N, C-alpha and C. Protein backbone atom coordinates (compact mmCIF):
# COMPACT_ATOMS: atom_id res chain seq x y z
N MET A 1 31.15 61.16 37.01
CA MET A 1 31.51 61.34 38.40
C MET A 1 31.03 62.72 38.86
N PRO A 2 30.25 62.79 39.95
CA PRO A 2 29.75 64.09 40.39
C PRO A 2 30.87 64.95 40.97
N ASN A 3 30.67 66.25 40.88
CA ASN A 3 31.61 67.21 41.46
C ASN A 3 31.50 67.09 42.98
N THR A 4 32.57 66.65 43.65
CA THR A 4 32.52 66.40 45.09
C THR A 4 32.44 67.68 45.90
N ALA A 5 32.72 68.84 45.29
CA ALA A 5 32.61 70.10 46.01
C ALA A 5 31.18 70.63 45.97
N ASP A 6 30.35 70.09 45.13
CA ASP A 6 28.97 70.58 44.96
C ASP A 6 28.07 69.92 46.00
N PRO A 7 27.53 70.71 46.95
CA PRO A 7 26.66 70.11 47.99
C PRO A 7 25.44 69.40 47.41
N ALA A 8 24.87 69.92 46.34
CA ALA A 8 23.70 69.28 45.74
C ALA A 8 24.08 67.90 45.18
N ALA A 9 25.27 67.80 44.59
CA ALA A 9 25.72 66.51 44.06
C ALA A 9 25.93 65.52 45.20
N LYS A 10 26.47 65.99 46.31
CA LYS A 10 26.68 65.11 47.47
C LYS A 10 25.34 64.60 47.99
N LEU A 11 24.34 65.46 48.05
CA LEU A 11 23.03 65.05 48.53
C LEU A 11 22.39 64.05 47.57
N ARG A 12 22.51 64.31 46.26
CA ARG A 12 21.97 63.35 45.29
C ARG A 12 22.65 61.99 45.44
N THR A 13 23.96 62.00 45.63
CA THR A 13 24.70 60.75 45.82
C THR A 13 24.21 60.02 47.07
N ALA A 14 24.00 60.76 48.16
CA ALA A 14 23.50 60.14 49.39
C ALA A 14 22.13 59.50 49.16
N PHE A 15 21.25 60.20 48.46
CA PHE A 15 19.92 59.64 48.16
C PHE A 15 20.04 58.41 47.27
N ASP A 16 20.92 58.46 46.27
CA ASP A 16 21.12 57.31 45.38
C ASP A 16 21.62 56.10 46.17
N LEU A 17 22.55 56.34 47.10
CA LEU A 17 23.07 55.24 47.93
C LEU A 17 21.99 54.67 48.83
N PHE A 18 21.12 55.53 49.37
CA PHE A 18 20.02 55.06 50.20
C PHE A 18 19.10 54.14 49.40
N VAL A 19 18.74 54.58 48.20
CA VAL A 19 17.84 53.77 47.34
C VAL A 19 18.50 52.45 46.99
N ALA A 20 19.79 52.48 46.66
CA ALA A 20 20.50 51.25 46.31
C ALA A 20 20.55 50.30 47.51
N GLY A 21 20.81 50.83 48.70
CA GLY A 21 20.84 49.99 49.90
C GLY A 21 19.50 49.36 50.20
N ARG A 22 18.44 50.14 50.01
CA ARG A 22 17.09 49.60 50.22
C ARG A 22 16.77 48.48 49.24
N ARG A 23 17.18 48.67 47.98
CA ARG A 23 16.96 47.62 46.97
C ARG A 23 17.73 46.35 47.32
N LEU A 24 18.97 46.52 47.77
CA LEU A 24 19.77 45.36 48.15
C LEU A 24 19.14 44.61 49.32
N MET A 25 18.65 45.34 50.30
CA MET A 25 18.03 44.68 51.46
C MET A 25 16.73 44.00 51.05
N ARG A 26 15.98 44.60 50.14
CA ARG A 26 14.75 43.96 49.64
C ARG A 26 15.10 42.63 48.97
N GLN A 27 16.16 42.62 48.17
CA GLN A 27 16.59 41.37 47.52
C GLN A 27 17.03 40.35 48.57
N ASN A 28 17.74 40.80 49.58
CA ASN A 28 18.18 39.93 50.66
C ASN A 28 16.96 39.31 51.35
N LEU A 29 15.96 40.13 51.64
CA LEU A 29 14.75 39.61 52.30
C LEU A 29 14.02 38.62 51.40
N ARG A 30 14.01 38.87 50.09
CA ARG A 30 13.38 37.92 49.14
C ARG A 30 14.09 36.56 49.20
N ARG A 31 15.42 36.58 49.29
CA ARG A 31 16.17 35.31 49.37
C ARG A 31 15.89 34.61 50.70
N ARG A 32 15.80 35.37 51.78
CA ARG A 32 15.55 34.78 53.10
C ARG A 32 14.11 34.26 53.23
N HIS A 33 13.17 34.91 52.55
CA HIS A 33 11.74 34.57 52.67
C HIS A 33 11.15 34.39 51.27
N PRO A 34 11.52 33.31 50.57
CA PRO A 34 11.10 33.15 49.17
C PRO A 34 9.58 33.06 48.97
N GLY A 35 8.85 32.64 49.97
CA GLY A 35 7.40 32.53 49.82
C GLY A 35 6.63 33.76 50.26
N ALA A 36 7.34 34.81 50.69
CA ALA A 36 6.67 36.00 51.23
C ALA A 36 6.04 36.82 50.11
N SER A 37 4.90 37.42 50.43
CA SER A 37 4.23 38.31 49.47
C SER A 37 4.97 39.65 49.43
N ASP A 38 4.63 40.47 48.43
CA ASP A 38 5.22 41.81 48.35
C ASP A 38 4.92 42.61 49.60
N GLU A 39 3.69 42.46 50.12
CA GLU A 39 3.30 43.19 51.33
C GLU A 39 4.13 42.75 52.54
N GLU A 40 4.40 41.45 52.63
CA GLU A 40 5.22 40.94 53.73
C GLU A 40 6.66 41.44 53.62
N ILE A 41 7.20 41.46 52.41
CA ILE A 41 8.56 41.99 52.20
C ILE A 41 8.59 43.47 52.57
N ASP A 42 7.57 44.22 52.20
CA ASP A 42 7.50 45.64 52.58
C ASP A 42 7.49 45.79 54.10
N ARG A 43 6.74 44.93 54.78
CA ARG A 43 6.67 44.99 56.24
C ARG A 43 8.03 44.66 56.86
N LEU A 44 8.67 43.61 56.34
CA LEU A 44 9.99 43.23 56.85
C LEU A 44 11.03 44.31 56.58
N LEU A 45 10.96 44.93 55.43
CA LEU A 45 11.89 46.00 55.09
C LEU A 45 11.68 47.20 56.02
N GLY A 46 10.43 47.54 56.27
CA GLY A 46 10.13 48.64 57.19
C GLY A 46 10.64 48.36 58.59
N ALA A 47 10.47 47.12 59.05
CA ALA A 47 10.96 46.75 60.38
C ALA A 47 12.48 46.82 60.43
N TRP A 48 13.14 46.38 59.36
CA TRP A 48 14.60 46.45 59.32
C TRP A 48 15.08 47.89 59.34
N MET A 49 14.39 48.76 58.62
CA MET A 49 14.81 50.17 58.59
C MET A 49 14.63 50.85 59.94
N ARG A 50 13.63 50.42 60.70
CA ARG A 50 13.41 51.02 62.03
C ARG A 50 14.38 50.48 63.08
N ASN A 51 14.72 49.21 63.02
CA ASN A 51 15.57 48.56 64.03
C ASN A 51 16.60 47.67 63.38
N ARG A 52 17.62 48.27 62.81
CA ARG A 52 18.65 47.46 62.15
C ARG A 52 19.57 46.85 63.20
N PRO A 53 19.66 45.53 63.26
CA PRO A 53 20.55 44.89 64.23
C PRO A 53 21.99 45.38 64.07
N GLY A 54 22.56 45.81 65.18
CA GLY A 54 23.92 46.31 65.16
C GLY A 54 24.03 47.80 64.88
N ALA A 55 22.95 48.44 64.49
CA ALA A 55 22.99 49.88 64.21
C ALA A 55 21.75 50.56 64.78
N GLU A 56 21.34 50.13 65.95
CA GLU A 56 20.12 50.66 66.54
C GLU A 56 20.18 52.17 66.78
N HIS A 57 21.40 52.68 67.02
CA HIS A 57 21.56 54.10 67.31
C HIS A 57 22.27 54.83 66.18
N GLY A 58 22.29 54.25 65.00
CA GLY A 58 22.94 54.86 63.85
C GLY A 58 24.20 54.13 63.45
N ASP A 59 24.82 54.62 62.41
CA ASP A 59 25.99 53.95 61.84
C ASP A 59 27.32 54.53 62.31
N ALA A 60 27.29 55.67 62.96
CA ALA A 60 28.54 56.33 63.34
C ALA A 60 29.03 55.85 64.70
N VAL A 61 30.34 55.96 64.90
CA VAL A 61 30.91 55.64 66.20
C VAL A 61 30.83 56.88 67.08
N GLY A 62 30.94 56.68 68.36
CA GLY A 62 30.93 57.81 69.28
C GLY A 62 29.66 57.86 70.10
N GLU A 63 29.52 58.95 70.83
CA GLU A 63 28.37 59.11 71.71
C GLU A 63 27.16 59.63 70.94
N ARG A 64 25.98 59.23 71.39
CA ARG A 64 24.75 59.75 70.80
C ARG A 64 24.62 61.22 71.16
N ALA A 65 24.07 61.98 70.26
CA ALA A 65 23.87 63.41 70.51
C ALA A 65 22.43 63.77 70.14
N GLY A 66 21.88 64.72 70.87
CA GLY A 66 20.55 65.20 70.54
C GLY A 66 20.57 66.05 69.29
N TRP A 67 19.39 66.28 68.75
CA TRP A 67 19.29 67.12 67.55
C TRP A 67 18.16 68.08 67.73
N PRO A 68 18.29 69.33 67.41
CA PRO A 68 19.49 69.94 66.86
C PRO A 68 20.56 70.08 67.93
N ARG A 69 21.80 70.10 67.49
CA ARG A 69 22.90 70.21 68.43
C ARG A 69 22.98 71.63 68.99
N ARG A 70 23.41 71.69 70.22
CA ARG A 70 23.61 73.00 70.83
C ARG A 70 24.89 73.61 70.30
N SER A 71 24.90 74.92 70.24
CA SER A 71 26.09 75.63 69.78
C SER A 71 27.22 75.42 70.77
N ARG A 72 28.43 75.30 70.26
CA ARG A 72 29.60 75.10 71.11
C ARG A 72 30.45 76.37 71.20
N ARG A 73 29.81 77.53 71.13
CA ARG A 73 30.56 78.78 71.20
C ARG A 73 31.21 78.96 72.55
N ALA A 74 32.43 79.49 72.54
CA ALA A 74 33.15 79.77 73.79
C ALA A 74 32.54 80.98 74.45
N SER A 75 32.48 80.96 75.78
CA SER A 75 31.90 82.09 76.51
C SER A 75 32.93 83.13 76.80
């Protein structure tokens, strides 16, 4: 179990979860399109990553914000 206070461990965990999610979606696409070539699965995966139905603006709730965020210092 990684040290949850270690920022580097948190980042590694985030990357590991991203890779695992991508693998799961690739398997899902293989089941949905059993006759598709590897290149077609790659194309479908890329399209899904760009425009995920239900998460077009990200996974978080709330209002969209620009990046980088402006400082919220009191005047």
